[in-house]
Amino acid sequence: MITLYHLDQGRVISSSAAVAAGVLPESTVWIDLFNPEHGEERAIEALLGIDIPTRDEMQEIEASSRLYVDDDALVMTMAVLNKPTSDEPEAASVTFILVKNRLLTVRYVDPLPFGLFTQRIHKQPFLAASGEQALLGLLEQIAGSLADILEAATADLEGLSNAIFTSSETKRIQGTDYQEALRRIGHVGDIATKAKGSLLNLTRLLLFLAAQAEAEKEAKGRMKTLMQDANSIDEHARFLSAKVSFLLDATLGLINLEQNNIIKMFSVAAVAFLPPTLIASIYGMNFRVLPELSWHYGYPLALLLMVLSAVIPFWYFRAKKWL
């Protein structure tokens, strides 16, 4: 699908329609290709005189394949975090092309920053005064969304940390689902990793964009500010990754402690019931001569001995605080 954004008397007008060959509004500042068909790509290539990277080419990780100059066009591809609140967040590739003072975006996903930015430019048309301004606005929106995602992930991890490190008495009352805790920790770790990758792509893109001589002074100032924001967000992502590692180790350690406590209870129970078993085994022997066999109180005495032999080890273990 092709969506055109152009200025009309100080307003941003968007239209979603097929582009007829050779027809493009003169005031167009942004062309958005969302999950484009082959014919749509060819039409835009003919209008702008460029080659649009294929979906496979957008997935390449070499810097030379992601950031390059094609005649008068700047072609930049970066990973954008998509579906962060789902069970399977993804870092999807999005291509930005600056050509003839217009911005062309090629994407096969619909990340949240794109929707938020389109809402903003309708309220603040100056954000899309040119293709370069629209590109910087989109990158700022992506950085802001990454910051919000990491803040939400941090809050989730804080709540999880409080649940894991509560007192043992509270855990016995409320219960702790360690399997769910591990799943949530893994989800936050996945988000942090993909966010760091997206921030790395953003930093490289900004460095490449700032190196272009034709960039305006105001635009370079915005790039510098955006790069500082990206660095601060990256530090937060590193902190989040470190906390994920710590919480993962702590959770696994607590799981081992719980398992050890269970094994200890079984061991204590086996030791406590060993003397009664011994006594019962002795009085269960089929020998002709057993002193207590014909004694009237032999059976109660044997039961009493078995109870005492179980209670005394249990009391000893409690006194030693092994239980």
Protein backbone atom coordinates (compact mmCIF):
# COMPACT_ATOMS: atom_id res chain seq x y z
CA MET A 1 0.00 0.00 0.00
CA ILE A 2 1.24 3.48 -0.90
CA THR A 3 0.43 6.47 1.31
CA LEU A 4 1.42 9.96 0.21
CA TYR A 5 1.85 12.87 2.63
CA HIS A 6 1.98 16.33 1.10
CA LEU A 7 1.57 19.89 2.31
CA ASP A 8 -1.50 21.88 1.32
CA GLN A 9 -1.90 25.42 2.73
CA GLY A 10 -0.01 24.60 5.92
CA ARG A 11 -1.75 21.27 6.45
CA VAL A 12 -0.50 17.74 5.94
CA ILE A 13 -2.77 15.80 3.60
CA SER A 14 -2.48 12.02 3.35
CA SER A 15 -3.91 9.88 0.59
CA SER A 16 -3.90 6.11 0.21
CA ALA A 17 -4.23 5.35 -3.45
CA ALA A 18 -2.35 3.73 -6.24
CA VAL A 19 0.19 6.06 -7.87
CA ALA A 20 -0.43 6.49 -11.54
CA ALA A 21 2.71 6.38 -13.66
CA GLY A 22 4.35 9.79 -13.77
CA VAL A 23 1.90 11.44 -11.35
CA LEU A 24 3.16 12.67 -7.98
CA PRO A 25 2.01 15.82 -6.17
CA GLU A 26 4.75 18.46 -6.25
CA SER A 27 4.38 19.15 -2.51
CA THR A 28 4.82 15.50 -1.51
CA VAL A 29 7.26 15.23 1.41
CA TRP A 30 6.78 11.61 2.49
CA ILE A 31 5.93 8.45 0.57
CA ASP A 32 5.18 5.45 2.79
CA LEU A 33 5.32 1.99 1.23
CA PHE A 34 3.70 -0.46 3.63
CA ASN A 35 3.93 -4.11 2.55
CA PRO A 36 4.18 -2.97 -1.08
CA GLU A 37 3.37 -5.09 -4.08
CA HIS A 38 5.82 -5.48 -6.94
CA GLY A 39 3.86 -3.11 -9.18
CA GLU A 40 3.79 -0.41 -6.50
CA GLU A 41 7.56 -0.62 -6.03
CA ARG A 42 8.13 -0.32 -9.79
CA ALA A 43 5.84 2.71 -10.01
CA ILE A 44 7.68 4.55 -7.21
CA GLU A 45 11.07 3.63 -8.69
CA ALA A 46 9.98 5.13 -12.01
CA LEU A 47 8.73 8.31 -10.34
CA LEU A 48 11.81 8.90 -8.19
CA GLY A 49 14.45 7.35 -10.43
CA ILE A 50 15.86 5.04 -7.75
CA ASP A 51 16.16 1.33 -6.96
CA ILE A 52 14.18 0.25 -3.89
CA PRO A 53 15.88 -2.51 -1.85
CA THR A 54 14.07 -5.82 -1.85
CA ARG A 55 12.84 -7.43 1.36
CA ASP A 56 15.79 -9.82 1.36
CA GLU A 57 18.26 -6.97 0.83
CA MET A 58 16.74 -5.13 3.80
CA GLN A 59 17.58 -8.10 6.04
CA GLU A 60 21.33 -8.00 5.29
CA ILE A 61 23.48 -7.03 8.26
CA GLU A 62 26.52 -5.55 6.50
CA ALA A 63 26.80 -1.81 7.10
CA SER A 64 27.58 -1.23 3.42
CA SER A 65 24.27 -2.87 2.51
CA ARG A 66 22.28 -0.85 5.02
CA LEU A 67 23.79 2.64 4.65
CA TYR A 68 24.85 3.85 1.23
CA VAL A 69 24.47 6.59 -1.37
CA ASP A 70 22.73 5.66 -4.62
CA ASP A 71 23.28 8.57 -7.05
CA ASP A 72 21.44 11.44 -5.31
CA ALA A 73 19.56 9.20 -2.88
CA LEU A 74 20.53 8.32 0.70
CA VAL A 75 19.46 4.76 1.46
CA MET A 76 19.33 3.85 5.16
CA THR A 77 17.99 0.65 6.73
CA MET A 78 17.62 0.05 10.44
CA ALA A 79 15.92 -2.41 12.77
CA VAL A 80 12.82 -1.08 14.53
CA LEU A 81 11.38 -2.84 17.57
CA ASN A 82 7.90 -4.12 16.75
CA LYS A 83 5.19 -5.75 18.92
CA PRO A 84 7.09 -5.24 22.20
CA THR A 85 4.12 -6.20 24.39
CA SER A 86 3.48 -9.49 22.59
CA ASP A 87 5.05 -12.84 23.45
CA GLU A 88 7.27 -12.57 20.38
CA PRO A 89 8.74 -9.06 20.00
CA GLU A 90 10.68 -8.59 16.80
CA ALA A 91 13.30 -6.25 15.37
CA ALA A 92 11.97 -5.59 11.87
CA SER A 93 13.97 -3.85 9.16
CA VAL A 94 12.68 -0.52 7.83
CA THR A 95 14.32 1.39 4.96
CA PHE A 96 14.45 5.19 4.81
CA ILE A 97 15.38 6.83 1.51
CA LEU A 98 15.99 10.56 1.13
CA VAL A 99 15.69 11.56 -2.50
CA LYS A 100 14.80 14.89 -4.13
CA ASN A 101 14.00 16.39 -0.72
CA ARG A 102 11.41 13.68 -0.17
CA LEU A 103 11.33 10.82 2.28
CA LEU A 104 10.48 7.32 1.12
CA THR A 105 9.93 4.61 3.74
CA VAL A 106 9.72 0.92 2.88
CA ARG A 107 8.41 -1.42 5.56
CA TYR A 108 6.68 -4.77 5.91
CA VAL A 109 5.53 -4.26 9.51
CA ASP A 110 3.57 -1.55 11.27
CA PRO A 111 5.59 -0.39 14.30
CA LEU A 112 3.90 1.93 16.78
CA PRO A 113 6.18 4.95 16.07
CA PHE A 114 4.85 5.25 12.52
CA GLY A 115 1.26 5.54 13.69
CA LEU A 116 2.17 8.03 16.41
CA PHE A 117 4.19 10.17 14.02
CA THR A 118 1.40 10.35 11.45
CA GLN A 119 -0.92 11.60 14.20
CA ARG A 120 1.63 14.23 15.21
CA ILE A 121 2.22 15.65 11.74
CA HIS A 122 -1.50 16.20 11.26
CA LYS A 123 -1.49 18.31 14.44
CA GLN A 124 1.97 19.83 13.88
CA PRO A 125 2.56 20.11 10.11
CA PHE A 126 5.97 21.75 10.57
CA LEU A 127 7.33 18.34 11.60
CA ALA A 128 6.96 17.30 7.96
CA ALA A 129 8.03 20.54 6.28
CA SER A 130 10.50 18.55 4.17
CA GLY A 131 11.64 15.01 3.64
CA GLU A 132 14.62 15.52 5.95
CA GLN A 133 12.41 16.98 8.68
CA ALA A 134 10.02 14.04 8.36
CA LEU A 135 12.94 11.60 8.63
CA LEU A 136 14.27 13.24 11.78
CA GLY A 137 10.79 13.34 13.27
CA LEU A 138 10.35 9.63 12.62
CA LEU A 139 13.73 8.81 14.15
CA GLU A 140 12.89 10.92 17.21
CA GLN A 141 9.58 9.07 17.51
CA ILE A 142 11.38 5.72 17.29
CA ALA A 143 13.85 6.77 20.00
CA GLY A 144 11.01 7.98 22.22
CA SER A 145 9.10 4.72 21.76
CA LEU A 146 12.23 2.73 22.66
CA ALA A 147 12.57 4.78 25.85
CA ASP A 148 8.93 4.11 26.76
CA ILE A 149 9.32 0.39 26.04
CA LEU A 150 12.41 0.13 28.24
CA GLU A 151 10.72 2.08 31.05
CA ALA A 152 7.74 -0.28 30.95
CA ALA A 153 10.10 -3.28 30.91
CA THR A 154 12.01 -1.87 33.89
CA ALA A 155 8.78 -1.38 35.86
CA ASP A 156 7.76 -4.97 35.07
CA LEU A 157 11.15 -6.22 36.20
CA GLU A 158 10.94 -4.21 39.44
CA GLY A 159 7.59 -5.77 40.27
CA LEU A 160 8.97 -9.21 39.48
CA SER A 161 12.03 -8.55 41.64
CA ASN A 162 9.84 -7.57 44.60
CA ALA A 163 7.79 -10.75 44.16
CA ILE A 164 10.87 -12.96 44.02
CA PHE A 165 12.73 -11.43 46.94
CA THR A 166 9.82 -11.36 49.40
CA SER A 167 10.21 -13.16 52.72
CA SER A 168 9.84 -16.93 52.88
CA GLU A 169 6.72 -16.61 55.04
CA THR A 170 5.03 -14.37 52.47
CA LYS A 171 5.99 -16.79 49.71
CA ARG A 172 4.38 -19.67 51.58
CA ILE A 173 1.17 -17.65 51.86
CA GLN A 174 1.06 -16.16 48.38
CA GLY A 175 3.09 -18.73 46.44
CA THR A 176 5.64 -17.96 43.75
CA ASP A 177 5.35 -19.29 40.21
CA TYR A 178 9.02 -19.56 39.27
CA GLN A 179 8.20 -20.85 35.81
CA GLU A 180 6.17 -17.72 35.07
CA ALA A 181 8.93 -15.59 36.63
CA LEU A 182 11.53 -17.12 34.31
CA ARG A 183 9.27 -16.53 31.32
CA ARG A 184 8.82 -12.86 32.23
CA ILE A 185 12.55 -12.41 32.83
CA GLY A 186 13.29 -13.96 29.45
CA HIS A 187 10.74 -11.66 27.79
CA VAL A 188 12.32 -8.54 29.31
CA GLY A 189 15.78 -9.78 28.36
CA ASP A 190 14.60 -10.32 24.77
CA ILE A 191 13.19 -6.79 24.63
CA ALA A 192 16.41 -5.31 26.06
CA THR A 193 18.54 -7.19 23.52
CA LYS A 194 16.41 -6.13 20.56
CA ALA A 195 16.22 -2.55 21.85
CA LYS A 196 20.03 -2.39 22.06
CA GLY A 197 20.27 -3.67 18.49
CA SER A 198 17.78 -1.04 17.32
CA LEU A 199 19.69 1.70 19.15
CA LEU A 200 22.94 0.56 17.54
CA ASN A 201 21.29 0.80 14.13
CA LEU A 202 19.91 4.23 14.99
CA THR A 203 23.35 5.52 16.04
CA ARG A 204 24.96 4.26 12.84
CA LEU A 205 22.21 5.82 10.75
CA LEU A 206 22.63 9.20 12.48
CA LEU A 207 26.40 9.14 12.02
CA PHE A 208 25.91 8.37 8.33
CA LEU A 209 23.29 11.09 7.97
CA ALA A 210 25.37 13.69 9.79
CA ALA A 211 28.36 12.98 7.54
CA GLN A 212 26.44 14.22 4.50
CA ALA A 213 27.67 17.70 3.58
CA GLU A 214 24.27 18.93 2.39
CA ALA A 215 22.63 18.45 5.79
CA GLU A 216 21.37 21.75 7.23
CA LYS A 217 22.79 23.20 10.44
CA GLU A 218 19.46 22.91 12.25
CA ALA A 219 19.12 19.30 11.11
CA LYS A 220 22.63 18.48 12.34
CA GLY A 221 21.74 19.98 15.70
CA ARG A 222 18.71 17.73 15.94
CA MET A 223 20.86 14.75 14.93
CA LYS A 224 23.35 15.55 17.69
CA THR A 225 20.58 15.79 20.28
CA LEU A 226 19.02 12.59 19.01
CA MET A 227 22.38 10.81 19.20
CA GLN A 228 22.77 11.90 22.83
CA ASP A 229 19.28 10.60 23.56
CA ALA A 230 20.15 7.30 21.87
CA ASN A 231 23.29 6.98 24.00
CA SER A 232 21.35 7.61 27.22
CA ILE A 233 18.68 5.10 26.19
CA ASP A 234 21.43 2.60 25.36
CA GLU A 235 22.87 3.02 28.88
CA HIS A 236 19.43 2.29 30.28
CA ALA A 237 19.19 -0.80 28.07
CA ARG A 238 22.58 -1.97 29.37
CA PHE A 239 21.42 -1.48 32.95
CA LEU A 240 18.26 -3.43 32.18
CA SER A 241 20.27 -6.29 30.63
CA ALA A 242 22.52 -6.44 33.70
CA LYS A 243 19.50 -6.54 36.00
CA VAL A 244 17.94 -9.28 33.89
CA SER A 245 21.12 -11.36 34.27
CA PHE A 246 21.19 -10.77 38.04
CA LEU A 247 17.51 -11.59 38.47
CA LEU A 248 17.84 -14.69 36.31
CA ASP A 249 20.75 -15.98 38.43
CA ALA A 250 18.89 -15.15 41.63
CA THR A 251 15.72 -16.91 40.47
CA LEU A 252 17.64 -20.04 39.46
CA GLY A 253 19.39 -19.93 42.85
CA LEU A 254 16.06 -19.73 44.68
CA ILE A 255 14.72 -22.61 42.61
CA ASN A 256 17.75 -24.68 43.66
CA LEU A 257 17.13 -23.75 47.30
CA GLU A 258 13.49 -24.80 47.02
CA GLN A 259 14.54 -28.11 45.47
CA ASN A 260 17.17 -28.63 48.19
CA ASN A 261 14.55 -27.97 50.87
CA ILE A 262 12.27 -30.57 49.32
CA ILE A 263 15.09 -33.11 49.13
CA LYS A 264 16.03 -32.29 52.73
CA MET A 265 12.49 -32.99 53.91
CA PHE A 266 12.52 -36.36 52.19
CA SER A 267 15.93 -37.15 53.69
CA VAL A 268 14.78 -36.18 57.20
CA ALA A 269 11.61 -38.23 56.80
CA ALA A 270 13.64 -41.24 55.70
CA VAL A 271 15.99 -40.90 58.68
CA ALA A 272 13.13 -40.32 61.12
CA PHE A 273 11.24 -43.42 60.01
CA LEU A 274 14.30 -45.64 59.83
CA PRO A 275 14.33 -46.60 63.59
CA PRO A 276 10.59 -47.48 63.63
CA THR A 277 11.14 -49.58 60.54
CA LEU A 278 14.01 -51.35 62.27
CA ILE A 279 11.89 -52.08 65.34
CA ALA A 280 8.98 -53.31 63.22
CA SER A 281 11.37 -55.52 61.26
CA ILE A 282 12.76 -57.08 64.43
CA TYR A 283 9.32 -57.89 65.85
CA GLY A 284 8.19 -59.16 62.48
CA MET A 285 10.77 -62.00 62.49
CA ASN A 286 9.39 -65.53 62.59
CA PHE A 287 11.66 -67.02 65.23
CA ARG A 288 10.39 -69.53 67.77
CA VAL A 289 11.99 -67.71 70.72
CA LEU A 290 11.03 -64.01 71.02
CA PRO A 291 11.01 -62.77 74.64
CA GLU A 292 8.06 -60.41 74.13
CA LEU A 293 6.04 -62.80 71.94
CA SER A 294 3.89 -64.13 74.76
CA TRP A 295 3.98 -60.96 76.87
CA HIS A 296 0.59 -59.24 77.28
CA TYR A 297 2.00 -55.73 76.81
CA GLY A 298 4.51 -56.61 74.10
CA TYR A 299 2.48 -55.15 71.23
CA PRO A 300 1.81 -51.74 72.90
CA LEU A 301 5.46 -51.58 73.92
CA ALA A 302 6.61 -52.14 70.34
CA LEU A 303 4.26 -49.38 69.12
CA LEU A 304 5.55 -47.03 71.81
CA LEU A 305 9.15 -47.73 70.86
CA MET A 306 8.41 -47.00 67.20
CA VAL A 307 6.72 -43.67 68.08
CA LEU A 308 9.57 -42.62 70.35
CA SER A 309 12.21 -43.61 67.79
CA ALA A 310 10.46 -41.34 65.24
CA VAL A 311 9.77 -38.39 67.58
CA ILE A 312 13.25 -38.18 69.10
CA PRO A 313 15.13 -37.70 65.76
CA PHE A 314 12.47 -35.19 64.65
CA TRP A 315 12.92 -33.20 67.88
CA TYR A 316 16.69 -33.34 67.46
CA PHE A 317 16.53 -32.01 63.91
CA ARG A 318 14.28 -29.16 65.02
CA ALA A 319 16.65 -28.34 67.88
CA LYS A 320 19.54 -28.15 65.39
CA LYS A 321 17.36 -25.96 63.11
CA TRP A 322 17.73 -28.40 60.28
CA LEU A 323 13.97 -28.16 59.73
